[in-house]
Amino acid sequence: MPIVGIRELARRTSELLQQLEQTGDRILITRHGRAVGLIVPLDSEEFEDFVLANAPEFVQAMEEGDRDLAEGRTRPLDKVLAEIEVEEAKRSKRKRRAAT
């Protein structure tokens, strides 16, 4: 496993990431000789697993969305956008009146 100081990482980031992609070897990052991080290769499945394991708010939001869909608590996008447009027009009109 390559060991790279933080300054070297800053200078050679692109090269080191290319090396990571080619070899799949993890890269240990050090600061003042002490390990501070590890760069590991990820494929799309591993990345999805990482997000699911480390972002509970994302998982919760997805579960809530699935429940909303199953229970019919959704609205078509075009209707939501139209409502937003109406609200923005009202807000703009109030601002113009307040400015006069």
N, C-alpha and C. Protein backbone atom coordinates (compact mmCIF):
# COMPACT_ATOMS: atom_id res chain seq x y z
N MET A 1 0.85 -1.17 0.00
CA MET A 1 0.00 0.00 0.00
C MET A 1 0.90 1.23 0.00
N PRO A 2 0.70 2.11 -0.99
CA PRO A 2 1.48 3.35 -1.01
C PRO A 2 1.14 4.24 0.19
N ILE A 3 2.16 4.92 0.69
CA ILE A 3 1.98 5.88 1.78
C ILE A 3 2.36 7.25 1.23
N VAL A 4 1.45 8.21 1.39
CA VAL A 4 1.63 9.53 0.78
C VAL A 4 1.39 10.60 1.83
N GLY A 5 2.32 11.54 1.92
CA GLY A 5 2.14 12.67 2.82
C GLY A 5 1.10 13.63 2.26
N ILE A 6 0.52 14.43 3.12
CA ILE A 6 -0.55 15.34 2.74
C ILE A 6 -0.09 16.33 1.65
N ARG A 7 1.13 16.81 1.74
CA ARG A 7 1.64 17.74 0.72
C ARG A 7 1.80 17.05 -0.62
N GLU A 8 2.29 15.82 -0.60
CA GLU A 8 2.43 15.06 -1.84
C GLU A 8 1.05 14.79 -2.44
N LEU A 9 0.09 14.50 -1.60
CA LEU A 9 -1.28 14.30 -2.06
C LEU A 9 -1.79 15.55 -2.78
N ALA A 10 -1.53 16.71 -2.20
CA ALA A 10 -1.97 17.96 -2.80
C ALA A 10 -1.33 18.18 -4.17
N ARG A 11 -0.06 17.83 -4.29
CA ARG A 11 0.66 18.05 -5.55
C ARG A 11 0.31 17.01 -6.62
N ARG A 12 0.00 15.79 -6.19
CA ARG A 12 -0.15 14.69 -7.14
C ARG A 12 -1.53 14.04 -7.11
N THR A 13 -2.55 14.77 -6.73
CA THR A 13 -3.87 14.17 -6.56
C THR A 13 -4.34 13.41 -7.78
N SER A 14 -4.31 14.06 -8.92
CA SER A 14 -4.79 13.42 -10.15
C SER A 14 -4.02 12.15 -10.46
N GLU A 15 -2.71 12.23 -10.36
CA GLU A 15 -1.86 11.07 -10.63
C GLU A 15 -2.15 9.92 -9.66
N LEU A 16 -2.30 10.27 -8.38
CA LEU A 16 -2.57 9.24 -7.38
C LEU A 16 -3.94 8.59 -7.58
N LEU A 17 -4.93 9.37 -7.97
CA LEU A 17 -6.25 8.80 -8.22
C LEU A 17 -6.23 7.90 -9.45
N GLN A 18 -5.46 8.30 -10.44
CA GLN A 18 -5.32 7.44 -11.63
C GLN A 18 -4.66 6.12 -11.23
N GLN A 19 -3.64 6.19 -10.40
CA GLN A 19 -2.97 4.99 -9.90
C GLN A 19 -3.95 4.11 -9.13
N LEU A 20 -4.79 4.73 -8.30
CA LEU A 20 -5.79 4.01 -7.52
C LEU A 20 -6.74 3.25 -8.44
N GLU A 21 -7.20 3.92 -9.50
CA GLU A 21 -8.11 3.29 -10.45
C GLU A 21 -7.45 2.12 -11.17
N GLN A 22 -6.19 2.28 -11.52
CA GLN A 22 -5.49 1.25 -12.29
C GLN A 22 -5.12 0.04 -11.44
N THR A 23 -4.62 0.28 -10.24
CA THR A 23 -4.10 -0.82 -9.43
C THR A 23 -5.10 -1.33 -8.40
N GLY A 24 -6.00 -0.46 -7.97
CA GLY A 24 -6.93 -0.86 -6.91
C GLY A 24 -6.30 -0.86 -5.53
N ASP A 25 -5.04 -0.41 -5.45
CA ASP A 25 -4.35 -0.37 -4.16
C ASP A 25 -4.82 0.83 -3.35
N ARG A 26 -5.09 0.60 -2.09
CA ARG A 26 -5.44 1.70 -1.18
C ARG A 26 -4.23 2.60 -1.00
N ILE A 27 -4.48 3.87 -0.67
CA ILE A 27 -3.40 4.83 -0.45
C ILE A 27 -3.55 5.40 0.95
N LEU A 28 -2.53 5.22 1.77
CA LEU A 28 -2.54 5.74 3.14
C LEU A 28 -2.03 7.17 3.11
N ILE A 29 -2.78 8.08 3.73
CA ILE A 29 -2.41 9.49 3.77
C ILE A 29 -1.88 9.81 5.17
N THR A 30 -0.74 10.50 5.20
CA THR A 30 -0.13 10.86 6.49
C THR A 30 0.05 12.36 6.60
N ARG A 31 0.08 12.82 7.84
CA ARG A 31 0.43 14.21 8.15
C ARG A 31 1.45 14.14 9.28
N HIS A 32 2.60 14.73 9.07
CA HIS A 32 3.69 14.70 10.05
C HIS A 32 4.00 13.26 10.48
N GLY A 33 3.94 12.35 9.50
CA GLY A 33 4.29 10.96 9.76
C GLY A 33 3.20 10.13 10.41
N ARG A 34 2.06 10.72 10.72
CA ARG A 34 0.95 9.98 11.35
C ARG A 34 -0.17 9.74 10.34
N ALA A 35 -0.71 8.54 10.34
CA ALA A 35 -1.80 8.21 9.43
C ALA A 35 -3.02 9.07 9.77
N VAL A 36 -3.61 9.70 8.75
CA VAL A 36 -4.79 10.53 8.97
C VAL A 36 -5.95 10.13 8.06
N GLY A 37 -5.70 9.33 7.06
CA GLY A 37 -6.77 8.95 6.16
C GLY A 37 -6.36 7.83 5.24
N LEU A 38 -7.36 7.31 4.56
CA LEU A 38 -7.13 6.21 3.65
C LEU A 38 -8.00 6.43 2.42
N ILE A 39 -7.40 6.39 1.25
CA ILE A 39 -8.16 6.49 0.01
C ILE A 39 -8.34 5.07 -0.52
N VAL A 40 -9.59 4.69 -0.72
CA VAL A 40 -9.89 3.33 -1.18
C VAL A 40 -10.65 3.39 -2.50
N PRO A 41 -10.41 2.42 -3.37
CA PRO A 41 -11.17 2.39 -4.62
C PRO A 41 -12.61 1.96 -4.35
N LEU A 42 -13.53 2.49 -5.14
CA LEU A 42 -14.94 2.12 -5.02
C LEU A 42 -15.52 1.85 -6.39
N ASP A 43 -16.35 0.82 -6.47
CA ASP A 43 -17.17 0.69 -7.67
C ASP A 43 -18.57 1.18 -7.32
N SER A 44 -19.45 1.23 -8.27
CA SER A 44 -20.77 1.83 -8.04
C SER A 44 -21.56 1.10 -6.96
N GLU A 45 -21.45 -0.23 -6.90
CA GLU A 45 -22.18 -0.97 -5.86
C GLU A 45 -21.62 -0.68 -4.48
N GLU A 46 -20.30 -0.61 -4.37
CA GLU A 46 -19.68 -0.29 -3.09
C GLU A 46 -20.05 1.12 -2.64
N PHE A 47 -20.11 2.04 -3.61
CA PHE A 47 -20.48 3.40 -3.27
C PHE A 47 -21.90 3.46 -2.75
N GLU A 48 -22.81 2.76 -3.39
CA GLU A 48 -24.19 2.73 -2.93
C GLU A 48 -24.26 2.15 -1.52
N ASP A 49 -23.54 1.07 -1.27
CA ASP A 49 -23.50 0.48 0.08
C ASP A 49 -22.95 1.48 1.09
N PHE A 50 -21.91 2.22 0.71
CA PHE A 50 -21.32 3.21 1.60
C PHE A 50 -22.34 4.29 1.95
N VAL A 51 -23.03 4.82 0.94
CA VAL A 51 -24.03 5.86 1.18
C VAL A 51 -25.13 5.34 2.10
N LEU A 52 -25.62 4.15 1.81
CA LEU A 52 -26.70 3.59 2.62
C LEU A 52 -26.26 3.36 4.07
N ALA A 53 -25.01 2.98 4.25
CA ALA A 53 -24.52 2.70 5.60
C ALA A 53 -24.16 3.96 6.37
N ASN A 54 -23.83 5.04 5.65
CA ASN A 54 -23.31 6.23 6.32
C ASN A 54 -24.20 7.47 6.21
N ALA A 55 -25.33 7.32 5.57
CA ALA A 55 -26.24 8.46 5.43
C ALA A 55 -27.66 8.02 5.80
N PRO A 56 -27.91 7.84 7.10
CA PRO A 56 -29.23 7.35 7.51
C PRO A 56 -30.36 8.27 7.09
N GLU A 57 -30.08 9.58 6.98
CA GLU A 57 -31.13 10.50 6.55
C GLU A 57 -31.54 10.23 5.10
N PHE A 58 -30.61 9.79 4.28
CA PHE A 58 -30.93 9.43 2.90
C PHE A 58 -31.83 8.20 2.88
N VAL A 59 -31.47 7.20 3.67
CA VAL A 59 -32.27 5.98 3.74
C VAL A 59 -33.67 6.31 4.23
N GLN A 60 -33.77 7.13 5.25
CA GLN A 60 -35.07 7.51 5.79
C GLN A 60 -35.90 8.24 4.74
N ALA A 61 -35.29 9.16 4.01
CA ALA A 61 -36.02 9.91 2.98
C ALA A 61 -36.51 8.98 1.87
N MET A 62 -35.69 8.02 1.50
CA MET A 62 -36.11 7.06 0.46
C MET A 62 -37.28 6.20 0.95
N GLU A 63 -37.22 5.77 2.20
CA GLU A 63 -38.31 4.96 2.76
C GLU A 63 -39.60 5.78 2.83
N GLU A 64 -39.51 7.05 3.24
CA GLU A 64 -40.69 7.91 3.28
C GLU A 64 -41.26 8.11 1.88
N GLY A 65 -40.40 8.29 0.91
CA GLY A 65 -40.85 8.44 -0.47
C GLY A 65 -41.56 7.19 -0.97
N ASP A 66 -41.01 6.04 -0.66
CA ASP A 66 -41.64 4.79 -1.06
C ASP A 66 -43.02 4.64 -0.42
N ARG A 67 -43.13 5.01 0.86
CA ARG A 67 -44.44 4.94 1.54
C ARG A 67 -45.44 5.91 0.90
N ASP A 68 -44.97 7.13 0.61
CA ASP A 68 -45.85 8.11 -0.03
C ASP A 68 -46.36 7.59 -1.37
N LEU A 69 -45.48 7.00 -2.15
CA LEU A 69 -45.89 6.44 -3.44
C LEU A 69 -46.92 5.33 -3.25
N ALA A 70 -46.63 4.42 -2.32
CA ALA A 70 -47.52 3.28 -2.09
C ALA A 70 -48.90 3.73 -1.61
N GLU A 71 -48.95 4.81 -0.86
CA GLU A 71 -50.22 5.28 -0.29
C GLU A 71 -50.87 6.38 -1.11
N GLY A 72 -50.31 6.66 -2.28
CA GLY A 72 -50.92 7.63 -3.19
C GLY A 72 -50.79 9.07 -2.76
N ARG A 73 -49.82 9.38 -1.92
CA ARG A 73 -49.62 10.76 -1.46
C ARG A 73 -48.59 11.48 -2.33
N THR A 74 -48.83 11.44 -3.61
CA THR A 74 -47.91 12.11 -4.54
C THR A 74 -48.71 13.00 -5.47
N ARG A 75 -48.01 13.93 -6.11
CA ARG A 75 -48.63 14.81 -7.09
C ARG A 75 -47.74 14.87 -8.31
N PRO A 76 -48.34 15.07 -9.48
CA PRO A 76 -47.52 15.17 -10.69
C PRO A 76 -46.60 16.40 -10.63
N LEU A 77 -45.42 16.25 -11.18
CA LEU A 77 -44.43 17.32 -11.16
C LEU A 77 -44.95 18.58 -11.83
N ASP A 78 -45.65 18.45 -12.95
CA ASP A 78 -46.11 19.66 -13.64
C ASP A 78 -47.07 20.47 -12.78
N LYS A 79 -47.88 19.82 -11.95
CA LYS A 79 -48.79 20.55 -11.06
C LYS A 79 -48.02 21.26 -9.94
N VAL A 80 -47.02 20.59 -9.40
CA VAL A 80 -46.21 21.20 -8.35
C VAL A 80 -45.48 22.42 -8.90
N LEU A 81 -44.90 22.29 -10.08
CA LEU A 81 -44.19 23.42 -10.70
C LEU A 81 -45.14 24.57 -10.98
N ALA A 82 -46.36 24.27 -11.42
CA ALA A 82 -47.34 25.32 -11.68
C ALA A 82 -47.70 26.05 -10.38
N GLU A 83 -47.85 25.31 -9.29
CA GLU A 83 -48.14 25.93 -7.99
C GLU A 83 -47.01 26.85 -7.54
N ILE A 84 -45.79 26.40 -7.74
CA ILE A 84 -44.63 27.22 -7.38
C ILE A 84 -44.61 28.49 -8.22
N GLU A 85 -44.91 28.36 -9.49
CA GLU A 85 -44.93 29.53 -10.37
C GLU A 85 -45.98 30.54 -9.91
N VAL A 86 -47.15 30.07 -9.54
CA VAL A 86 -48.21 30.96 -9.05
C VAL A 86 -47.76 31.66 -7.78
N GLU A 87 -47.16 30.92 -6.85
CA GLU A 87 -46.69 31.52 -5.60
C GLU A 87 -45.61 32.56 -5.86
N GLU A 88 -44.70 32.27 -6.77
CA GLU A 88 -43.64 33.24 -7.09
C GLU A 88 -44.23 34.51 -7.71
N ALA A 89 -45.25 34.35 -8.55
CA ALA A 89 -45.89 35.51 -9.15
C ALA A 89 -46.58 36.36 -8.09
N LYS A 90 -47.25 35.71 -7.13
CA LYS A 90 -47.90 36.44 -6.04
C LYS A 90 -46.86 37.18 -5.21
N ARG A 91 -45.76 36.52 -4.88
CA ARG A 91 -44.70 37.13 -4.08
C ARG A 91 -44.10 38.34 -4.81
N SER A 92 -43.89 38.19 -6.09
CA SER A 92 -43.33 39.28 -6.89
C SER A 92 -44.29 40.46 -6.93
N LYS A 93 -45.58 40.17 -7.05
CA LYS A 93 -46.59 41.22 -7.09
C LYS A 93 -46.64 41.98 -5.77
N ARG A 94 -46.55 41.24 -4.64
CA ARG A 94 -46.55 41.89 -3.31
C ARG A 94 -45.32 42.77 -3.16
N LYS A 95 -44.19 42.33 -3.63
CA LYS A 95 -42.96 43.13 -3.54
C LYS A 95 -43.08 44.41 -4.34
N ARG A 96 -43.67 44.32 -5.53
CA ARG A 96 -43.84 45.52 -6.36
C ARG A 96 -44.78 46.51 -5.67
N ARG A 97 -45.86 46.01 -5.07
CA ARG A 97 -46.78 46.89 -4.36
C ARG A 97 -46.12 47.54 -3.16
N ALA A 98 -45.31 46.77 -2.44
CA ALA A 98 -44.64 47.30 -1.25
C ALA A 98 -43.60 48.35 -1.63
N ALA A 99 -43.03 48.24 -2.80
CA ALA A 99 -42.00 49.17 -3.24
C ALA A 99 -42.58 50.51 -3.68
N THR A 100 -43.86 50.55 -3.98
CA THR A 100 -44.47 51.83 -4.44
C THR A 100 -45.05 52.61 -3.32
